[in-house]
Amino acid sequence: MSFSAPRKQTLFILSLVILWYTSNIGVLLLNKYLLSNYGFRFPIFLTMCHMSACAILSYFSIAFLKIVPLQPLKSKSQFFKIATLSTVFCGSVVGGNISLRYLPVSFNQAVGATTPFFTALFAYLMTLKREAWVTYAALVPVVAGVVIASGGEPGFHLYGFIMCISATAARAFKSVLQGILLSSEGEKLNSMNLMLYMSPIAVIVLLPAALVMEPNVLEVTLSLAKQHNFLWLLLLINSTMAYSANLLNFLVTKHTSALTLQVLGNAKGAVAVVISILLFRNPVTFIGIAGYTMTVMGVVAYGEAKRRFR
């Protein structure tokens, strides 16, 4: 049975979306399992593993697979801008991983859904860029939903919540900062080349941080590896999935649109919540579900308002 060209394209995009969901949700759940259930309590070292895989696989994908053309760095100024972005990115990923030690994935995703609020806030503070009042109004349920979800979360942990909020804010800050620092045509990089340059810098930043803040990481990791034969395999799969999530994010955007990616991203969060509750059996309340639902609806309304009143 032969497929027409449009049907082949549809199947290809559908496959990309399924793989993107699998890698994103997979790395999130595996992070939670390693950091919270497995006894591997080293979020900085885990992030360093992710960045090491991203550095190696980004180079392989660009230099050998030719997924995108290599964009060389133009100046020291551009390098320092990328280094700044990499440091902020490290903070967001480490903060997110630390929060997974203390918070259920469902609540982690609810807090993470407030990224548009912080993006709008930083965009206004750093560039004085204003949106239509309807757009800002849509952010009210985004924040209110998290406040409600916090009150109804049985597994609420203050330190984990602070780290999750910090990670979400850092992610939004990096997004706005990227738009400012790499705004000129000569310095713009696609996401794959940006990852190629950011990842090695992230490893250099994270290595001393891991040695200072997680001094017994190698000793405990080797000890855990003797008890659990699959530890190294889990770390390898986890790190590879972290790169795959970035690669597939780029490919889905390339073959669909930024708006489609936003809609799929909102649905992905809900899917991750359902799967995590089924896997980890963390208790949920009606108030918590209502709060998360309000946040997601606010994010959808914000995206639609931003699109209409651009």
C-alpha atoms as a PDB file:
ATOM      1  CA  MET A   1       0.000   0.000   0.000  1.00  0.00           C
ATOM      2  CA  SER A   2       1.543   3.308  -1.057  1.00  0.00           C
ATOM      3  CA  PHE A   3       0.984   6.578   0.777  1.00  0.00           C
ATOM      4  CA  SER A   4       0.490   9.947  -0.895  1.00  0.00           C
ATOM      5  CA  ALA A   5       3.017  12.714  -0.216  1.00  0.00           C
ATOM      6  CA  PRO A   6       0.699  14.688   2.159  1.00  0.00           C
ATOM      7  CA  ARG A   7      -0.080  11.523   4.129  1.00  0.00           C
ATOM      8  CA  LYS A   8       3.624  10.670   4.384  1.00  0.00           C
ATOM      9  CA  GLN A   9       4.297  14.192   5.653  1.00  0.00           C
ATOM     10  CA  THR A  10       1.488  13.877   8.222  1.00  0.00           C
ATOM     11  CA  LEU A  11       2.826  10.520   9.432  1.00  0.00           C
ATOM     12  CA  PHE A  12       6.342  11.958   9.633  1.00  0.00           C
ATOM     13  CA  ILE A  13       5.201  14.943  11.744  1.00  0.00           C
ATOM     14  CA  LEU A  14       3.068  12.665  13.939  1.00  0.00           C
ATOM     15  CA  SER A  15       6.114  10.430  14.516  1.00  0.00           C
ATOM     16  CA  LEU A  16       8.201  13.486  15.435  1.00  0.00           C
ATOM     17  CA  VAL A  17       5.567  14.652  17.939  1.00  0.00           C
ATOM     18  CA  ILE A  18       5.306  11.193  19.539  1.00  0.00           C
ATOM     19  CA  LEU A  19       9.095  10.968  19.845  1.00  0.00           C
ATOM     20  CA  TRP A  20       9.226  14.521  21.239  1.00  0.00           C
ATOM     21  CA  TYR A  21       6.610  13.686  23.864  1.00  0.00           C
ATOM     22  CA  THR A  22       8.417  10.437  24.717  1.00  0.00           C
ATOM     23  CA  SER A  23      11.816  12.088  25.155  1.00  0.00           C
ATOM     24  CA  ASN A  24      10.506  15.101  27.114  1.00  0.00           C
ATOM     25  CA  ILE A  25       8.257  13.148  29.453  1.00  0.00           C
ATOM     26  CA  GLY A  26      10.771  10.308  29.653  1.00  0.00           C
ATOM     27  CA  VAL A  27      13.652  12.502  30.818  1.00  0.00           C
ATOM     28  CA  LEU A  28      11.382  14.240  33.339  1.00  0.00           C
ATOM     29  CA  LEU A  29      10.130  10.972  34.862  1.00  0.00           C
ATOM     30  CA  LEU A  30      13.595   9.391  34.819  1.00  0.00           C
ATOM     31  CA  ASN A  31      15.011  12.478  36.558  1.00  0.00           C
ATOM     32  CA  LYS A  32      12.354  12.083  39.242  1.00  0.00           C
ATOM     33  CA  TYR A  33      13.052   8.361  39.590  1.00  0.00           C
ATOM     34  CA  LEU A  34      16.828   8.806  39.869  1.00  0.00           C
ATOM     35  CA  LEU A  35      16.759  11.808  42.205  1.00  0.00           C
ATOM     36  CA  SER A  36      13.872  10.841  44.445  1.00  0.00           C
ATOM     37  CA  ASN A  37      13.240   7.093  44.308  1.00  0.00           C
ATOM     38  CA  TYR A  38      16.600   5.617  43.293  1.00  0.00           C
ATOM     39  CA  GLY A  39      18.787   7.325  45.878  1.00  0.00           C
ATOM     40  CA  PHE A  40      20.917   9.201  43.308  1.00  0.00           C
ATOM     41  CA  ARG A  41      20.690  12.587  45.034  1.00  0.00           C
ATOM     42  CA  PHE A  42      23.053  14.610  42.839  1.00  0.00           C
ATOM     43  CA  PRO A  43      21.082  17.063  40.681  1.00  0.00           C
ATOM     44  CA  ILE A  44      24.166  19.097  39.674  1.00  0.00           C
ATOM     45  CA  PHE A  45      26.097  16.013  38.538  1.00  0.00           C
ATOM     46  CA  LEU A  46      22.998  14.726  36.724  1.00  0.00           C
ATOM     47  CA  THR A  47      22.685  18.046  34.883  1.00  0.00           C
ATOM     48  CA  MET A  48      26.387  17.823  33.987  1.00  0.00           C
ATOM     49  CA  CYS A  49      25.749  14.374  32.473  1.00  0.00           C
ATOM     50  CA  HIS A  50      22.928  15.868  30.401  1.00  0.00           C
ATOM     51  CA  MET A  51      25.120  18.715  29.171  1.00  0.00           C
ATOM     52  CA  SER A  52      27.999  16.344  28.352  1.00  0.00           C
ATOM     53  CA  ALA A  53      25.676  14.252  26.193  1.00  0.00           C
ATOM     54  CA  CYS A  54      24.314  17.406  24.529  1.00  0.00           C
ATOM     55  CA  ALA A  55      27.855  18.606  23.744  1.00  0.00           C
ATOM     56  CA  ILE A  56      28.931  15.273  22.191  1.00  0.00           C
ATOM     57  CA  LEU A  57      25.695  14.535  20.324  1.00  0.00           C
ATOM     58  CA  SER A  58      25.284  18.130  19.099  1.00  0.00           C
ATOM     59  CA  TYR A  59      28.730  17.986  17.508  1.00  0.00           C
ATOM     60  CA  PHE A  60      27.999  14.570  15.972  1.00  0.00           C
ATOM     61  CA  SER A  61      24.614  15.725  14.619  1.00  0.00           C
ATOM     62  CA  ILE A  62      25.978  18.903  13.058  1.00  0.00           C
ATOM     63  CA  ALA A  63      29.450  17.782  11.930  1.00  0.00           C
ATOM     64  CA  PHE A  64      28.559  14.305  10.643  1.00  0.00           C
ATOM     65  CA  LEU A  65      24.781  14.002  10.203  1.00  0.00           C
ATOM     66  CA  LYS A  66      24.536  17.565   8.806  1.00  0.00           C
ATOM     67  CA  ILE A  67      21.150  18.156  10.470  1.00  0.00           C
ATOM     68  CA  VAL A  68      21.855  21.873  10.231  1.00  0.00           C
ATOM     69  CA  PRO A  69      24.836  23.785   8.791  1.00  0.00           C
ATOM     70  CA  LEU A  70      27.531  24.733  11.282  1.00  0.00           C
ATOM     71  CA  GLN A  71      27.293  28.410  12.254  1.00  0.00           C
ATOM     72  CA  PRO A  72      30.758  29.566  13.385  1.00  0.00           C
ATOM     73  CA  LEU A  73      31.172  32.117  16.172  1.00  0.00           C
ATOM     74  CA  LYS A  74      31.897  35.588  14.827  1.00  0.00           C
ATOM     75  CA  SER A  75      33.530  37.313  17.803  1.00  0.00           C
ATOM     76  CA  LYS A  76      34.603  37.143  21.444  1.00  0.00           C
ATOM     77  CA  SER A  77      31.568  39.260  22.258  1.00  0.00           C
ATOM     78  CA  GLN A  78      29.266  36.613  20.797  1.00  0.00           C
ATOM     79  CA  PHE A  79      31.091  33.914  22.773  1.00  0.00           C
ATOM     80  CA  PHE A  80      30.649  35.789  26.070  1.00  0.00           C
ATOM     81  CA  LYS A  81      26.958  36.310  25.326  1.00  0.00           C
ATOM     82  CA  ILE A  82      26.531  32.572  24.761  1.00  0.00           C
ATOM     83  CA  ALA A  83      28.494  31.860  27.958  1.00  0.00           C
ATOM     84  CA  THR A  84      26.094  34.113  29.887  1.00  0.00           C
ATOM     85  CA  LEU A  85      23.092  32.274  28.414  1.00  0.00           C
ATOM     86  CA  SER A  86      24.701  28.933  29.244  1.00  0.00           C
ATOM     87  CA  THR A  87      25.196  29.897  32.897  1.00  0.00           C
ATOM     88  CA  VAL A  88      21.568  31.009  33.249  1.00  0.00           C
ATOM     89  CA  PHE A  89      20.443  27.823  31.488  1.00  0.00           C
ATOM     90  CA  CYS A  90      22.505  25.738  33.941  1.00  0.00           C
ATOM     91  CA  GLY A  91      20.760  27.448  36.826  1.00  0.00           C
ATOM     92  CA  SER A  92      17.320  26.678  35.391  1.00  0.00           C
ATOM     93  CA  VAL A  93      18.058  22.986  34.757  1.00  0.00           C
ATOM     94  CA  VAL A  94      19.794  22.414  38.103  1.00  0.00           C
ATOM     95  CA  GLY A  95      16.960  24.202  39.943  1.00  0.00           C
ATOM     96  CA  GLY A  96      14.393  22.063  38.143  1.00  0.00           C
ATOM     97  CA  ASN A  97      16.267  18.863  38.980  1.00  0.00           C
ATOM     98  CA  ILE A  98      16.648  19.872  42.644  1.00  0.00           C
ATOM     99  CA  SER A  99      12.904  20.530  42.864  1.00  0.00           C
ATOM    100  CA  LEU A 100      12.199  17.005  41.608  1.00  0.00           C
ATOM    101  CA  ARG A 101      13.872  15.647  44.734  1.00  0.00           C
ATOM    102  CA  TYR A 102      11.180  17.232  46.888  1.00  0.00           C
ATOM    103  CA  LEU A 103       8.090  17.755  44.726  1.00  0.00           C
ATOM    104  CA  PRO A 104       5.827  15.399  42.759  1.00  0.00           C
ATOM    105  CA  VAL A 105       6.148  15.693  38.977  1.00  0.00           C
ATOM    106  CA  SER A 106       2.512  16.833  38.783  1.00  0.00           C
ATOM    107  CA  PHE A 107       3.138  19.863  41.001  1.00  0.00           C
ATOM    108  CA  ASN A 108       6.495  20.522  39.336  1.00  0.00           C
ATOM    109  CA  GLN A 109       4.688  20.772  35.985  1.00  0.00           C
ATOM    110  CA  ALA A 110       2.019  23.054  37.449  1.00  0.00           C
ATOM    111  CA  VAL A 111       4.674  25.503  38.649  1.00  0.00           C
ATOM    112  CA  GLY A 112       6.601  25.173  35.372  1.00  0.00           C
ATOM    113  CA  ALA A 113       3.475  26.190  33.452  1.00  0.00           C
ATOM    114  CA  THR A 114       3.882  29.729  34.844  1.00  0.00           C
ATOM    115  CA  THR A 115       6.839  30.332  32.481  1.00  0.00           C
ATOM    116  CA  PRO A 116       4.789  32.782  30.316  1.00  0.00           C
ATOM    117  CA  PHE A 117       4.168  34.955  33.393  1.00  0.00           C
ATOM    118  CA  PHE A 118       7.893  35.297  34.098  1.00  0.00           C
ATOM    119  CA  THR A 119       8.663  35.761  30.389  1.00  0.00           C
ATOM    120  CA  ALA A 120       6.204  38.670  30.183  1.00  0.00           C
ATOM    121  CA  LEU A 121       7.590  40.135  33.417  1.00  0.00           C
ATOM    122  CA  PHE A 122      11.237  39.991  32.304  1.00  0.00           C
ATOM    123  CA  ALA A 123      10.368  41.236  28.806  1.00  0.00           C
ATOM    124  CA  TYR A 124       8.745  44.316  30.361  1.00  0.00           C
ATOM    125  CA  LEU A 125      11.534  44.936  32.920  1.00  0.00           C
ATOM    126  CA  MET A 126      14.408  44.422  30.474  1.00  0.00           C
ATOM    127  CA  THR A 127      13.027  45.808  27.221  1.00  0.00           C
ATOM    128  CA  LEU A 128       9.992  47.842  28.391  1.00  0.00           C
ATOM    129  CA  LYS A 129       8.034  45.810  25.865  1.00  0.00           C
ATOM    130  CA  ARG A 130       4.313  46.048  26.614  1.00  0.00           C
ATOM    131  CA  GLU A 131       1.551  43.692  25.577  1.00  0.00           C
ATOM    132  CA  ALA A 132      -2.169  44.414  25.247  1.00  0.00           C
ATOM    133  CA  TRP A 133      -4.021  44.506  28.578  1.00  0.00           C
ATOM    134  CA  VAL A 134      -5.993  41.392  27.537  1.00  0.00           C
ATOM    135  CA  THR A 135      -2.709  39.497  27.283  1.00  0.00           C
ATOM    136  CA  TYR A 136      -1.696  40.474  30.817  1.00  0.00           C
ATOM    137  CA  ALA A 137      -5.205  39.662  32.087  1.00  0.00           C
ATOM    138  CA  ALA A 138      -4.762  36.103  30.798  1.00  0.00           C
ATOM    139  CA  LEU A 139      -1.781  35.716  33.143  1.00  0.00           C
ATOM    140  CA  VAL A 140      -3.976  36.169  36.240  1.00  0.00           C
ATOM    141  CA  PRO A 141      -5.373  32.608  36.145  1.00  0.00           C
ATOM    142  CA  VAL A 142      -1.850  31.308  35.394  1.00  0.00           C
ATOM    143  CA  VAL A 143      -0.587  32.599  38.746  1.00  0.00           C
ATOM    144  CA  ALA A 144      -3.863  32.048  40.624  1.00  0.00           C
ATOM    145  CA  GLY A 145      -3.917  28.411  39.510  1.00  0.00           C
ATOM    146  CA  VAL A 146      -0.481  27.731  41.003  1.00  0.00           C
ATOM    147  CA  VAL A 147      -1.481  29.454  44.256  1.00  0.00           C
ATOM    148  CA  ILE A 148      -4.565  27.217  44.443  1.00  0.00           C
ATOM    149  CA  ALA A 149      -2.571  24.099  43.468  1.00  0.00           C
ATOM    150  CA  SER A 150       0.013  24.909  46.188  1.00  0.00           C
ATOM    151  CA  GLY A 151      -2.690  25.043  48.836  1.00  0.00           C
ATOM    152  CA  GLY A 152      -4.108  21.711  47.702  1.00  0.00           C
ATOM    153  CA  GLU A 153      -0.793  19.875  47.207  1.00  0.00           C
ATOM    154  CA  PRO A 154      -0.318  17.074  49.815  1.00  0.00           C
ATOM    155  CA  GLY A 155       3.389  16.793  48.947  1.00  0.00           C
ATOM    156  CA  PHE A 156       4.128  20.529  49.153  1.00  0.00           C
ATOM    157  CA  HIS A 157       7.735  21.257  50.170  1.00  0.00           C
ATOM    158  CA  LEU A 158       8.793  24.884  50.615  1.00  0.00           C
ATOM    159  CA  TYR A 159      12.436  24.463  49.520  1.00  0.00           C
ATOM    160  CA  GLY A 160      11.401  22.352  46.522  1.00  0.00           C
ATOM    161  CA  PHE A 161       8.785  24.977  45.612  1.00  0.00           C
ATOM    162  CA  ILE A 162      11.347  27.809  45.826  1.00  0.00           C
ATOM    163  CA  MET A 163      13.769  25.882  43.596  1.00  0.00           C
ATOM    164  CA  CYS A 164      11.003  25.115  41.100  1.00  0.00           C
ATOM    165  CA  ILE A 165       9.898  28.754  40.927  1.00  0.00           C
ATOM    166  CA  SER A 166      13.557  29.831  40.590  1.00  0.00           C
ATOM    167  CA  ALA A 167      14.105  27.335  37.766  1.00  0.00           C
ATOM    168  CA  THR A 168      10.970  28.540  35.974  1.00  0.00           C
ATOM    169  CA  ALA A 169      12.030  32.192  36.334  1.00  0.00           C
ATOM    170  CA  ALA A 170      15.561  31.365  35.114  1.00  0.00           C
ATOM    171  CA  ARG A 171      14.138  29.571  32.068  1.00  0.00           C
ATOM    172  CA  ALA A 172      12.036  32.625  31.195  1.00  0.00           C
ATOM    173  CA  PHE A 173      14.983  34.975  31.881  1.00  0.00           C
ATOM    174  CA  LYS A 174      17.174  32.952  29.526  1.00  0.00           C
ATOM    175  CA  SER A 175      14.517  33.175  26.798  1.00  0.00           C
ATOM    176  CA  VAL A 176      14.277  36.981  27.060  1.00  0.00           C
ATOM    177  CA  LEU A 177      18.037  37.376  27.451  1.00  0.00           C
ATOM    178  CA  GLN A 178      18.623  35.287  24.337  1.00  0.00           C
ATOM    179  CA  GLY A 179      16.366  37.604  22.351  1.00  0.00           C
ATOM    180  CA  ILE A 180      18.347  40.622  23.567  1.00  0.00           C
ATOM    181  CA  LEU A 181      21.907  39.275  23.338  1.00  0.00           C
ATOM    182  CA  LEU A 182      21.599  37.471  20.010  1.00  0.00           C
ATOM    183  CA  SER A 183      19.278  39.951  18.317  1.00  0.00           C
ATOM    184  CA  SER A 184      21.559  41.109  15.490  1.00  0.00           C
ATOM    185  CA  GLU A 185      21.372  39.127  12.240  1.00  0.00           C
ATOM    186  CA  GLY A 186      25.084  38.323  12.357  1.00  0.00           C
ATOM    187  CA  GLU A 187      24.864  36.761  15.808  1.00  0.00           C
ATOM    188  CA  LYS A 188      21.619  34.796  15.584  1.00  0.00           C
ATOM    189  CA  LEU A 189      22.028  31.044  15.962  1.00  0.00           C
ATOM    190  CA  ASN A 190      19.489  28.291  15.449  1.00  0.00           C
ATOM    191  CA  SER A 191      18.730  26.228  18.549  1.00  0.00           C
ATOM    192  CA  MET A 192      20.968  23.310  17.501  1.00  0.00           C
ATOM    193  CA  ASN A 193      24.076  25.474  17.026  1.00  0.00           C
ATOM    194  CA  LEU A 194      23.282  27.364  20.222  1.00  0.00           C
ATOM    195  CA  MET A 195      23.154  24.026  22.085  1.00  0.00           C
ATOM    196  CA  LEU A 196      26.472  23.021  20.474  1.00  0.00           C
ATOM    197  CA  TYR A 197      28.214  26.071  21.960  1.00  0.00           C
ATOM    198  CA  MET A 198      26.290  26.265  25.244  1.00  0.00           C
ATOM    199  CA  SER A 199      26.752  22.628  26.317  1.00  0.00           C
ATOM    200  CA  PRO A 200      30.567  22.529  26.743  1.00  0.00           C
ATOM    201  CA  ILE A 201      30.440  25.844  28.627  1.00  0.00           C
ATOM    202  CA  ALA A 202      27.744  24.383  30.884  1.00  0.00           C
ATOM    203  CA  VAL A 203      29.941  21.355  31.646  1.00  0.00           C
ATOM    204  CA  ILE A 204      32.851  23.657  32.588  1.00  0.00           C
ATOM    205  CA  VAL A 205      30.529  25.636  34.893  1.00  0.00           C
ATOM    206  CA  LEU A 206      28.900  22.564  36.460  1.00  0.00           C
ATOM    207  CA  LEU A 207      32.040  20.477  37.091  1.00  0.00           C
ATOM    208  CA  PRO A 208      33.515  22.642  39.891  1.00  0.00           C
ATOM    209  CA  ALA A 209      29.991  23.227  41.278  1.00  0.00           C
ATOM    210  CA  ALA A 210      29.440  19.463  41.511  1.00  0.00           C
ATOM    211  CA  LEU A 211      32.854  18.880  43.132  1.00  0.00           C
ATOM    212  CA  VAL A 212      32.224  21.575  45.764  1.00  0.00           C
ATOM    213  CA  MET A 213      28.508  21.070  46.464  1.00  0.00           C
ATOM    214  CA  GLU A 214      28.387  17.303  45.875  1.00  0.00           C
ATOM    215  CA  PRO A 215      31.849  16.220  47.044  1.00  0.00           C
ATOM    216  CA  ASN A 216      30.976  12.542  47.516  1.00  0.00           C
ATOM    217  CA  VAL A 217      29.239  12.167  44.149  1.00  0.00           C
ATOM    218  CA  LEU A 218      31.778   9.753  42.626  1.00  0.00           C
ATOM    219  CA  GLU A 219      32.023   7.613  45.763  1.00  0.00           C
ATOM    220  CA  VAL A 220      28.249   7.286  46.141  1.00  0.00           C
ATOM    221  CA  THR A 221      27.696   6.788  42.407  1.00  0.00           C
ATOM    222  CA  LEU A 222      30.202   3.923  42.287  1.00  0.00           C
ATOM    223  CA  SER A 223      28.620   2.420  45.397  1.00  0.00           C
ATOM    224  CA  LEU A 224      25.130   2.667  43.865  1.00  0.00           C
ATOM    225  CA  ALA A 225      26.441   1.164  40.614  1.00  0.00           C
ATOM    226  CA  LYS A 226      27.588  -1.931  42.557  1.00  0.00           C
ATOM    227  CA  GLN A 227      24.150  -2.285  44.162  1.00  0.00           C
ATOM    228  CA  HIS A 228      22.176  -1.512  41.005  1.00  0.00           C
ATOM    229  CA  ASN A 229      23.651  -2.951  37.818  1.00  0.00           C
ATOM    230  CA  PHE A 230      21.596  -0.660  35.583  1.00  0.00           C
ATOM    231  CA  LEU A 231      22.670   2.703  37.055  1.00  0.00           C
ATOM    232  CA  TRP A 232      25.130   3.544  34.275  1.00  0.00           C
ATOM    233  CA  LEU A 233      22.600   2.475  31.651  1.00  0.00           C
ATOM    234  CA  LEU A 234      19.912   4.658  33.256  1.00  0.00           C
ATOM    235  CA  LEU A 235      22.281   7.657  33.314  1.00  0.00           C
ATOM    236  CA  LEU A 236      23.204   7.047  29.660  1.00  0.00           C
ATOM    237  CA  ILE A 237      19.559   6.749  28.565  1.00  0.00           C
ATOM    238  CA  ASN A 238      18.605   9.770  30.676  1.00  0.00           C
ATOM    239  CA  SER A 239      21.378  11.941  29.210  1.00  0.00           C
ATOM    240  CA  THR A 240      20.644  10.826  25.629  1.00  0.00           C
ATOM    241  CA  MET A 241      16.955  11.614  26.108  1.00  0.00           C
ATOM    242  CA  ALA A 242      17.886  15.084  27.385  1.00  0.00           C
ATOM    243  CA  TYR A 243      19.608  15.751  24.051  1.00  0.00           C
ATOM    244  CA  SER A 244      16.813  14.103  22.065  1.00  0.00           C
ATOM    245  CA  ALA A 245      14.271  16.424  23.700  1.00  0.00           C
ATOM    246  CA  ASN A 246      16.214  19.453  22.392  1.00  0.00           C
ATOM    247  CA  LEU A 247      16.733  17.948  18.926  1.00  0.00           C
ATOM    248  CA  LEU A 248      13.077  16.952  18.539  1.00  0.00           C
ATOM    249  CA  ASN A 249      11.933  20.336  19.858  1.00  0.00           C
ATOM    250  CA  PHE A 250      13.901  21.905  16.986  1.00  0.00           C
ATOM    251  CA  LEU A 251      12.556  19.433  14.390  1.00  0.00           C
ATOM    252  CA  VAL A 252       8.911  19.781  15.483  1.00  0.00           C
ATOM    253  CA  THR A 253       9.214  23.592  15.288  1.00  0.00           C
ATOM    254  CA  LYS A 254      10.883  23.332  11.871  1.00  0.00           C
ATOM    255  CA  HIS A 255       8.189  21.076  10.391  1.00  0.00           C
ATOM    256  CA  THR A 256       5.156  22.711  12.063  1.00  0.00           C
ATOM    257  CA  SER A 257       5.156  26.173  13.639  1.00  0.00           C
ATOM    258  CA  ALA A 258       5.921  27.943  16.902  1.00  0.00           C
ATOM    259  CA  LEU A 259       2.171  28.147  17.638  1.00  0.00           C
ATOM    260  CA  THR A 260       1.720  24.398  17.110  1.00  0.00           C
ATOM    261  CA  LEU A 261       4.683  23.780  19.399  1.00  0.00           C
ATOM    262  CA  GLN A 262       3.082  25.945  22.083  1.00  0.00           C
ATOM    263  CA  VAL A 263      -0.222  24.042  21.885  1.00  0.00           C
ATOM    264  CA  LEU A 264       1.563  20.673  21.903  1.00  0.00           C
ATOM    265  CA  GLY A 265       3.693  21.846  24.836  1.00  0.00           C
ATOM    266  CA  ASN A 266       0.606  22.639  26.922  1.00  0.00           C
ATOM    267  CA  ALA A 267      -0.849  19.209  26.180  1.00  0.00           C
ATOM    268  CA  LYS A 268       2.512  17.581  26.944  1.00  0.00           C
ATOM    269  CA  GLY A 269       2.473  18.985  30.471  1.00  0.00           C
ATOM    270  CA  ALA A 270      -0.955  17.471  31.105  1.00  0.00           C
ATOM    271  CA  VAL A 271       0.153  14.083  29.713  1.00  0.00           C
ATOM    272  CA  ALA A 272       3.269  14.172  31.944  1.00  0.00           C
ATOM    273  CA  VAL A 273       1.094  14.883  34.996  1.00  0.00           C
ATOM    274  CA  VAL A 274      -1.236  11.942  34.296  1.00  0.00           C
ATOM    275  CA  ILE A 275       1.620   9.499  33.617  1.00  0.00           C
ATOM    276  CA  SER A 276       3.569  10.602  36.715  1.00  0.00           C
ATOM    277  CA  ILE A 277       0.527  10.137  38.969  1.00  0.00           C
ATOM    278  CA  LEU A 278      -0.004   6.633  37.553  1.00  0.00           C
ATOM    279  CA  LEU A 279       3.679   5.711  37.912  1.00  0.00           C
ATOM    280  CA  PHE A 280       4.632   7.287  41.241  1.00  0.00           C
ATOM    281  CA  ARG A 281       1.167   7.090  42.834  1.00  0.00           C
ATOM    282  CA  ASN A 282       1.600  10.493  44.472  1.00  0.00           C
ATOM    283  CA  PRO A 283      -1.637  11.637  46.133  1.00  0.00           C
ATOM    284  CA  VAL A 284      -3.577  14.400  44.396  1.00  0.00           C
ATOM    285  CA  THR A 285      -6.539  16.454  45.543  1.00  0.00           C
ATOM    286  CA  PHE A 286      -9.441  18.029  43.698  1.00  0.00           C
ATOM    287  CA  ILE A 287      -8.085  21.490  44.654  1.00  0.00           C
ATOM    288  CA  GLY A 288      -4.680  20.622  43.214  1.00  0.00           C
ATOM    289  CA  ILE A 289      -6.188  19.382  39.932  1.00  0.00           C
ATOM    290  CA  ALA A 290      -8.441  22.455  39.725  1.00  0.00           C
ATOM    291  CA  GLY A 291      -5.451  24.763  40.287  1.00  0.00           C
ATOM    292  CA  TYR A 292      -3.359  23.050  37.604  1.00  0.00           C
ATOM    293  CA  THR A 293      -6.291  23.112  35.154  1.00  0.00           C
ATOM    294  CA  MET A 294      -6.734  26.856  35.771  1.00  0.00           C
ATOM    295  CA  THR A 295      -3.031  27.447  35.119  1.00  0.00           C
ATOM    296  CA  VAL A 296      -3.085  25.504  31.833  1.00  0.00           C
ATOM    297  CA  MET A 297      -6.232  27.325  30.693  1.00  0.00           C
ATOM    298  CA  GLY A 298      -4.552  30.628  31.545  1.00  0.00           C
ATOM    299  CA  VAL A 299      -1.479  29.660  29.497  1.00  0.00           C
ATOM    300  CA  VAL A 300      -3.684  28.748  26.518  1.00  0.00           C
ATOM    301  CA  ALA A 301      -5.583  32.059  26.830  1.00  0.00           C
ATOM    302  CA  TYR A 302      -2.281  33.966  27.101  1.00  0.00           C
ATOM    303  CA  GLY A 303      -0.940  32.344  23.928  1.00  0.00           C
ATOM    304  CA  GLU A 304      -4.141  33.110  22.015  1.00  0.00           C
ATOM    305  CA  ALA A 305      -4.282  36.713  23.271  1.00  0.00           C
ATOM    306  CA  LYS A 306      -0.646  37.283  22.379  1.00  0.00           C
ATOM    307  CA  ARG A 307      -1.236  35.927  18.891  1.00  0.00           C
ATOM    308  CA  ARG A 308      -4.332  38.083  18.275  1.00  0.00           C
ATOM    309  CA  PHE A 309      -3.005  41.344  19.723  1.00  0.00           C
ATOM    310  CA  ARG A 310       0.544  41.089  18.408  1.00  0.00           C
END
